[in-house]
C-alpha atoms as a PDB file:
ATOM      1  CA  MET A   1     -23.083 259.655 -43.608  1.00  0.00           C
ATOM      2  CA  LEU A   2     -19.404 258.799 -44.054  1.00  0.00           C
ATOM      3  CA  HIS A   3     -18.375 261.508 -41.562  1.00  0.00           C
ATOM      4  CA  SER A   4     -20.775 260.057 -38.991  1.00  0.00           C
ATOM      5  CA  ILE A   5     -19.337 256.568 -39.403  1.00  0.00           C
ATOM      6  CA  GLY A   6     -15.803 257.940 -39.076  1.00  0.00           C
ATOM      7  CA  THR A   7     -16.747 259.835 -35.934  1.00  0.00           C
ATOM      8  CA  VAL A   8     -18.317 256.759 -34.349  1.00  0.00           C
ATOM      9  CA  LEU A   9     -15.287 254.603 -35.239  1.00  0.00           C
ATOM     10  CA  ALA A  10     -12.887 257.200 -33.803  1.00  0.00           C
ATOM     11  CA  PHE A  11     -14.960 257.396 -30.622  1.00  0.00           C
ATOM     12  CA  LEU A  12     -14.978 253.600 -30.280  1.00  0.00           C
ATOM     13  CA  ALA A  13     -11.197 253.526 -30.777  1.00  0.00           C
ATOM     14  CA  PHE A  14     -10.812 256.189 -28.082  1.00  0.00           C
ATOM     15  CA  ILE A  15     -12.972 254.196 -25.656  1.00  0.00           C
ATOM     16  CA  ALA A  16     -11.016 251.011 -26.429  1.00  0.00           C
ATOM     17  CA  ILE A  17      -7.687 252.755 -25.743  1.00  0.00           C
ATOM     18  CA  CYS A  18      -9.015 254.180 -22.469  1.00  0.00           C
ATOM     19  CA  ILE A  19     -10.205 250.750 -21.348  1.00  0.00           C
ATOM     20  CA  TRP A  20      -6.834 249.237 -22.283  1.00  0.00           C
ATOM     21  CA  ALA A  21      -4.822 251.975 -20.567  1.00  0.00           C
ATOM     22  CA  TYR A  22      -6.821 251.928 -17.339  1.00  0.00           C
ATOM     23  CA  SER A  23      -7.295 248.165 -17.091  1.00  0.00           C
ATOM     24  CA  PRO A  24      -6.071 246.709 -13.793  1.00  0.00           C
ATOM     25  CA  SER A  25      -3.946 244.125 -15.606  1.00  0.00           C
ATOM     26  CA  LYS A  26      -1.733 246.900 -17.079  1.00  0.00           C
ATOM     27  CA  LYS A  27      -1.210 248.803 -13.806  1.00  0.00           C
ATOM     28  CA  LYS A  28       1.970 246.956 -12.777  1.00  0.00           C
ATOM     29  CA  GLN A  29       3.512 247.350 -16.238  1.00  0.00           C
ATOM     30  CA  PHE A  30       2.762 251.085 -16.342  1.00  0.00           C
ATOM     31  CA  ASP A  31       3.983 251.600 -12.768  1.00  0.00           C
ATOM     32  CA  ASP A  32       7.274 249.914 -13.674  1.00  0.00           C
ATOM     33  CA  ALA A  33       7.623 252.073 -16.794  1.00  0.00           C
ATOM     34  CA  ALA A  34       6.927 255.207 -14.757  1.00  0.00           C
ATOM     35  CA  GLN A  35       9.867 254.395 -12.468  1.00  0.00           C
ATOM     36  CA  LEU A  36      12.421 253.942 -15.282  1.00  0.00           C
ATOM     37  CA  PRO A  37      13.795 257.524 -15.044  1.00  0.00           C
ATOM     38  CA  PHE A  38      14.584 256.877 -11.383  1.00  0.00           C
ATOM     39  CA  ASP A  39      16.218 253.480 -11.952  1.00  0.00           C
ATOM     40  CA  GLU A  40      19.666 253.360 -10.305  1.00  0.00           C
ATOM     41  CA  GLU A  41      20.948 250.533 -12.515  1.00  0.00           C
ATOM     42  CA  PHE A  42      22.383 253.017 -15.046  1.00  0.00           C
ATOM     43  CA  PRO A  43      23.243 256.282 -13.271  1.00  0.00           C
ATOM     44  CA  ALA A  44      23.515 259.323 -15.529  1.00  0.00           C
ATOM     45  CA  SER A  45      27.038 260.035 -14.218  1.00  0.00           C
ATOM     46  CA  GLN A  46      28.347 256.960 -16.054  1.00  0.00           C
ATOM     47  CA  HIS A  47      27.398 258.351 -19.449  1.00  0.00           C
ATOM     48  CA  LYS A  48      30.069 260.253 -21.311  1.00  0.00           C
ATOM     49  CA  PRO A  49      29.260 263.103 -23.713  1.00  0.00           C
ATOM     50  CA  ALA A  50      30.933 261.112 -26.523  1.00  0.00           C
ATOM     51  CA  ASP A  51      28.382 258.322 -25.980  1.00  0.00           C
ATOM     52  CA  ILE A  52      25.550 260.633 -26.983  1.00  0.00           C
ATOM     53  CA  LYS A  53      25.221 261.391 -30.671  1.00  0.00           C
ATOM     54  CA  ALA A  54      24.775 265.010 -31.665  1.00  0.00           C
ATOM     55  CA  GLY A  55      21.800 264.204 -33.860  1.00  0.00           C
ATOM     56  CA  ASN A  56      22.771 266.695 -36.523  1.00  0.00           C
ATOM     57  CA  GLY A  57      21.903 264.315 -39.410  1.00  0.00           C
ATOM     58  CA  ASP A  58      25.501 263.436 -40.330  1.00  0.00           C
ATOM     59  CA  ASP A  59      24.972 259.711 -39.550  1.00  0.00           C
END
């Protein structure tokens, strides 16, 4: 019985996320976020290799 309740709750959460993600009120926000990699405000040529951390865990 507990597995059935968990399955139903997971399904309801999935449906809620789908409704949220595809709601018309979020379209503009998601369209703007999708264009961020193409934003010309901060061109990649302005970044220097020293500005990017190596990420080797020595922080």
